[in-house]
Amino acid sequence: MTEPRGISKKQAAAYAGCESLSAFNEWIRRGIMPKPIPGTRKWDRKAIDAALDRLSGLQPKIEAQLTPYDAWKASQNASAAERDQLVHKKAR
């Protein structure tokens, strides 16, 4: 049986590697992770993959289509995600 593409928030948080739902909620708030599929309470596994690919540098950024503010905001979100990872590693 294949994994479902639409997954719950708890499954999405675990899939993205978040240790808690509150951390996942923060990533959503900051635009690091996608919001649920419109009209549902399900997250698209492929949208999470795409977000993680962008964060890890595996997927080219589409900054050419972004306004200067959007490009700046995306870089701030990526930097904050990196800081969060360091903080969580030190707390262990």
N, C-alpha and C. Protein backbone atom coordinates (compact mmCIF):
# COMPACT_ATOMS: atom_id res chain seq x y z
N MET A 1 0.85 -1.19 0.00
CA MET A 1 0.00 0.00 0.00
C MET A 1 0.89 1.24 0.00
N THR A 2 0.56 2.20 -0.84
CA THR A 2 1.34 3.43 -0.90
C THR A 2 0.90 4.40 0.18
N GLU A 3 1.81 5.28 0.53
CA GLU A 3 1.50 6.31 1.52
C GLU A 3 0.51 7.30 0.92
N PRO A 4 -0.47 7.77 1.70
CA PRO A 4 -1.40 8.77 1.17
C PRO A 4 -0.69 10.10 0.94
N ARG A 5 -1.11 10.81 -0.07
CA ARG A 5 -0.51 12.11 -0.35
C ARG A 5 -1.04 13.17 0.61
N GLY A 6 -2.33 13.12 0.93
CA GLY A 6 -2.92 14.05 1.88
C GLY A 6 -2.78 13.48 3.28
N ILE A 7 -2.13 14.23 4.15
CA ILE A 7 -1.86 13.74 5.51
C ILE A 7 -2.33 14.74 6.56
N SER A 8 -2.55 14.24 7.77
CA SER A 8 -3.01 15.09 8.87
C SER A 8 -1.88 16.02 9.32
N LYS A 9 -2.24 17.00 10.11
CA LYS A 9 -1.24 17.95 10.63
C LYS A 9 -0.17 17.22 11.45
N LYS A 10 -0.60 16.28 12.28
CA LYS A 10 0.35 15.53 13.10
C LYS A 10 1.30 14.73 12.21
N GLN A 11 0.75 14.09 11.18
CA GLN A 11 1.59 13.33 10.25
C GLN A 11 2.52 14.27 9.47
N ALA A 12 2.01 15.43 9.08
CA ALA A 12 2.81 16.39 8.34
C ALA A 12 3.98 16.90 9.18
N ALA A 13 3.71 17.18 10.45
CA ALA A 13 4.77 17.65 11.34
C ALA A 13 5.86 16.58 11.48
N ALA A 14 5.45 15.35 11.68
CA ALA A 14 6.42 14.25 11.81
C ALA A 14 7.18 14.07 10.50
N TYR A 15 6.49 14.13 9.38
CA TYR A 15 7.11 13.95 8.07
C TYR A 15 8.15 15.04 7.82
N ALA A 16 7.86 16.27 8.25
CA ALA A 16 8.79 17.39 8.06
C ALA A 16 9.93 17.36 9.06
N GLY A 17 9.83 16.50 10.06
CA GLY A 17 10.89 16.39 11.06
C GLY A 17 10.72 17.30 12.26
N CYS A 18 9.55 17.88 12.42
CA CYS A 18 9.29 18.73 13.59
C CYS A 18 9.05 17.85 14.81
N GLU A 19 9.60 18.26 15.91
CA GLU A 19 9.45 17.48 17.14
C GLU A 19 8.14 17.74 17.86
N SER A 20 7.44 18.81 17.44
CA SER A 20 6.17 19.11 18.09
C SER A 20 5.24 19.82 17.11
N LEU A 21 3.95 19.77 17.43
CA LEU A 21 2.98 20.50 16.61
C LEU A 21 3.17 22.01 16.72
N SER A 22 3.60 22.46 17.89
CA SER A 22 3.81 23.91 18.04
C SER A 22 4.96 24.38 17.14
N ALA A 23 6.01 23.58 17.00
CA ALA A 23 7.10 23.94 16.10
C ALA A 23 6.61 23.95 14.65
N PHE A 24 5.79 22.97 14.29
CA PHE A 24 5.25 22.92 12.93
C PHE A 24 4.34 24.13 12.68
N ASN A 25 3.51 24.47 13.67
CA ASN A 25 2.65 25.66 13.54
C ASN A 25 3.49 26.92 13.31
N GLU A 26 4.61 27.01 14.00
CA GLU A 26 5.50 28.17 13.84
C GLU A 26 6.09 28.19 12.43
N TRP A 27 6.48 27.04 11.92
CA TRP A 27 7.01 26.96 10.56
C TRP A 27 5.95 27.39 9.55
N ILE A 28 4.70 27.00 9.78
CA ILE A 28 3.61 27.41 8.89
C ILE A 28 3.42 28.92 8.98
N ARG A 29 3.40 29.44 10.19
CA ARG A 29 3.20 30.88 10.41
C ARG A 29 4.27 31.69 9.70
N ARG A 30 5.51 31.20 9.73
CA ARG A 30 6.63 31.91 9.12
C ARG A 30 6.80 31.62 7.63
N GLY A 31 5.93 30.77 7.08
CA GLY A 31 5.99 30.49 5.66
C GLY A 31 7.03 29.45 5.27
N ILE A 32 7.60 28.77 6.25
CA ILE A 32 8.60 27.73 5.97
C ILE A 32 7.91 26.48 5.43
N MET A 33 6.79 26.14 6.03
CA MET A 33 6.00 24.99 5.58
C MET A 33 4.70 25.50 4.98
N PRO A 34 4.12 24.74 4.05
CA PRO A 34 2.86 25.16 3.42
C PRO A 34 1.69 25.06 4.39
N LYS A 35 0.63 25.76 4.04
CA LYS A 35 -0.63 25.65 4.77
C LYS A 35 -1.35 24.39 4.29
N PRO A 36 -2.44 24.01 4.96
CA PRO A 36 -3.17 22.83 4.48
C PRO A 36 -3.78 23.07 3.10
N ILE A 37 -4.15 22.00 2.45
CA ILE A 37 -4.82 22.07 1.17
C ILE A 37 -6.11 22.88 1.38
N PRO A 38 -6.36 23.90 0.56
CA PRO A 38 -7.54 24.75 0.78
C PRO A 38 -8.82 23.93 0.92
N GLY A 39 -9.60 24.29 1.93
CA GLY A 39 -10.88 23.64 2.18
C GLY A 39 -10.77 22.32 2.91
N THR A 40 -9.55 21.98 3.37
CA THR A 40 -9.35 20.72 4.08
C THR A 40 -8.51 20.95 5.33
N ARG A 41 -8.31 19.88 6.05
CA ARG A 41 -7.37 19.88 7.18
C ARG A 41 -6.24 18.89 6.89
N LYS A 42 -5.92 18.78 5.61
CA LYS A 42 -4.87 17.86 5.15
C LYS A 42 -3.74 18.63 4.49
N TRP A 43 -2.52 18.12 4.69
CA TRP A 43 -1.34 18.69 4.08
C TRP A 43 -0.90 17.80 2.92
N ASP A 44 -0.40 18.43 1.89
CA ASP A 44 0.07 17.72 0.71
C ASP A 44 1.52 17.30 0.93
N ARG A 45 1.76 16.01 0.92
CA ARG A 45 3.11 15.47 1.15
C ARG A 45 4.11 16.07 0.14
N LYS A 46 3.69 16.22 -1.12
CA LYS A 46 4.59 16.76 -2.14
C LYS A 46 4.90 18.24 -1.90
N ALA A 47 3.94 18.99 -1.35
CA ALA A 47 4.19 20.39 -1.01
C ALA A 47 5.21 20.49 0.12
N ILE A 48 5.14 19.57 1.06
CA ILE A 48 6.14 19.55 2.15
C ILE A 48 7.50 19.19 1.57
N ASP A 49 7.54 18.20 0.67
CA ASP A 49 8.80 17.84 0.01
C ASP A 49 9.41 19.05 -0.70
N ALA A 50 8.57 19.80 -1.44
CA ALA A 50 9.05 20.96 -2.18
C ALA A 50 9.60 22.02 -1.23
N ALA A 51 8.92 22.26 -0.11
CA ALA A 51 9.39 23.24 0.87
C ALA A 51 10.73 22.81 1.45
N LEU A 52 10.87 21.53 1.79
CA LEU A 52 12.13 21.03 2.34
C LEU A 52 13.23 21.08 1.29
N ASP A 53 12.90 20.78 0.04
CA ASP A 53 13.89 20.87 -1.04
C ASP A 53 14.42 22.29 -1.19
N ARG A 54 13.52 23.28 -1.12
CA ARG A 54 13.95 24.68 -1.21
C ARG A 54 14.85 25.04 -0.03
N LEU A 55 14.45 24.63 1.17
CA LEU A 55 15.24 24.97 2.36
C LEU A 55 16.63 24.35 2.33
N SER A 56 16.72 23.14 1.81
CA SER A 56 18.00 22.45 1.81
C SER A 56 18.85 22.78 0.59
N GLY A 57 18.31 23.58 -0.34
CA GLY A 57 19.07 23.97 -1.51
C GLY A 57 19.01 22.96 -2.65
N LEU A 58 18.15 21.95 -2.54
CA LEU A 58 18.04 20.95 -3.59
C LEU A 58 17.24 21.43 -4.78
N GLN A 59 16.39 22.41 -4.57
CA GLN A 59 15.53 22.93 -5.63
C GLN A 59 15.90 24.39 -5.86
N PRO A 60 16.08 24.78 -7.11
CA PRO A 60 16.43 26.18 -7.36
C PRO A 60 15.36 27.12 -6.82
N LYS A 61 15.80 28.21 -6.30
CA LYS A 61 14.87 29.21 -5.79
C LYS A 61 14.24 29.93 -6.97
N ILE A 62 13.04 30.39 -6.76
CA ILE A 62 12.32 31.11 -7.82
C ILE A 62 12.29 32.60 -7.51
N GLU A 63 13.41 33.11 -7.01
CA GLU A 63 13.47 34.50 -6.57
C GLU A 63 13.30 35.49 -7.71
N ALA A 64 13.59 35.06 -8.94
CA ALA A 64 13.44 35.98 -10.07
C ALA A 64 12.00 36.47 -10.19
N GLN A 65 11.05 35.66 -9.74
CA GLN A 65 9.64 36.03 -9.83
C GLN A 65 9.16 36.75 -8.57
N LEU A 66 10.00 36.84 -7.57
CA LEU A 66 9.60 37.45 -6.31
C LEU A 66 9.90 38.94 -6.31
N THR A 67 9.12 39.68 -5.55
CA THR A 67 9.44 41.08 -5.33
C THR A 67 10.66 41.12 -4.40
N PRO A 68 11.36 42.23 -4.34
CA PRO A 68 12.50 42.32 -3.41
C PRO A 68 12.10 42.01 -1.96
N TYR A 69 10.92 42.46 -1.55
CA TYR A 69 10.46 42.17 -0.20
C TYR A 69 10.23 40.67 -0.01
N ASP A 70 9.59 40.00 -0.99
CA ASP A 70 9.35 38.56 -0.88
C ASP A 70 10.67 37.79 -0.82
N ALA A 71 11.66 38.20 -1.61
CA ALA A 71 12.97 37.54 -1.58
C ALA A 71 13.62 37.71 -0.21
N TRP A 72 13.54 38.92 0.34
CA TRP A 72 14.09 39.18 1.66
C TRP A 72 13.38 38.33 2.73
N LYS A 73 12.06 38.29 2.66
CA LYS A 73 11.27 37.53 3.63
C LYS A 73 11.62 36.04 3.55
N ALA A 74 11.76 35.51 2.35
CA ALA A 74 12.12 34.09 2.18
C ALA A 74 13.49 33.82 2.79
N SER A 75 14.44 34.73 2.59
CA SER A 75 15.78 34.51 3.16
C SER A 75 15.73 34.60 4.69
N GLN A 76 14.89 35.47 5.23
CA GLN A 76 14.74 35.58 6.69
C GLN A 76 14.14 34.30 7.25
N ASN A 77 13.14 33.75 6.57
CA ASN A 77 12.51 32.51 7.03
C ASN A 77 13.51 31.36 7.01
N ALA A 78 14.31 31.28 5.96
CA ALA A 78 15.30 30.19 5.86
C ALA A 78 16.35 30.35 6.96
N SER A 79 16.81 31.57 7.21
CA SER A 79 17.79 31.80 8.27
C SER A 79 17.23 31.45 9.63
N ALA A 80 15.99 31.82 9.86
CA ALA A 80 15.35 31.51 11.14
C ALA A 80 15.20 30.00 11.32
N ALA A 81 14.89 29.28 10.25
CA ALA A 81 14.77 27.82 10.34
C ALA A 81 16.10 27.20 10.70
N GLU A 82 17.18 27.72 10.14
CA GLU A 82 18.51 27.20 10.47
C GLU A 82 18.84 27.47 11.94
N ARG A 83 18.51 28.67 12.43
CA ARG A 83 18.74 28.99 13.85
C ARG A 83 17.94 28.07 14.75
N ASP A 84 16.68 27.81 14.38
CA ASP A 84 15.83 26.93 15.18
C ASP A 84 16.43 25.54 15.27
N GLN A 85 16.97 25.04 14.18
CA GLN A 85 17.58 23.71 14.18
C GLN A 85 18.77 23.67 15.12
N LEU A 86 19.58 24.73 15.12
CA LEU A 86 20.74 24.78 16.02
C LEU A 86 20.31 24.83 17.48
N VAL A 87 19.27 25.61 17.77
CA VAL A 87 18.77 25.72 19.14
C VAL A 87 18.25 24.37 19.62
N HIS A 88 17.50 23.66 18.77
CA HIS A 88 16.95 22.36 19.15
C HIS A 88 18.06 21.33 19.36
N LYS A 89 19.12 21.40 18.57
CA LYS A 89 20.23 20.47 18.73
C LYS A 89 20.96 20.72 20.05
N LYS A 90 21.16 21.99 20.39
CA LYS A 90 21.83 22.32 21.65
C LYS A 90 21.01 21.94 22.87
N ALA A 91 19.67 22.01 22.74
CA ALA A 91 18.78 21.70 23.87
C ALA A 91 18.75 20.22 24.20
N ARG A 92 19.17 19.40 23.27
CA ARG A 92 19.12 17.95 23.50
C ARG A 92 20.17 17.50 24.45
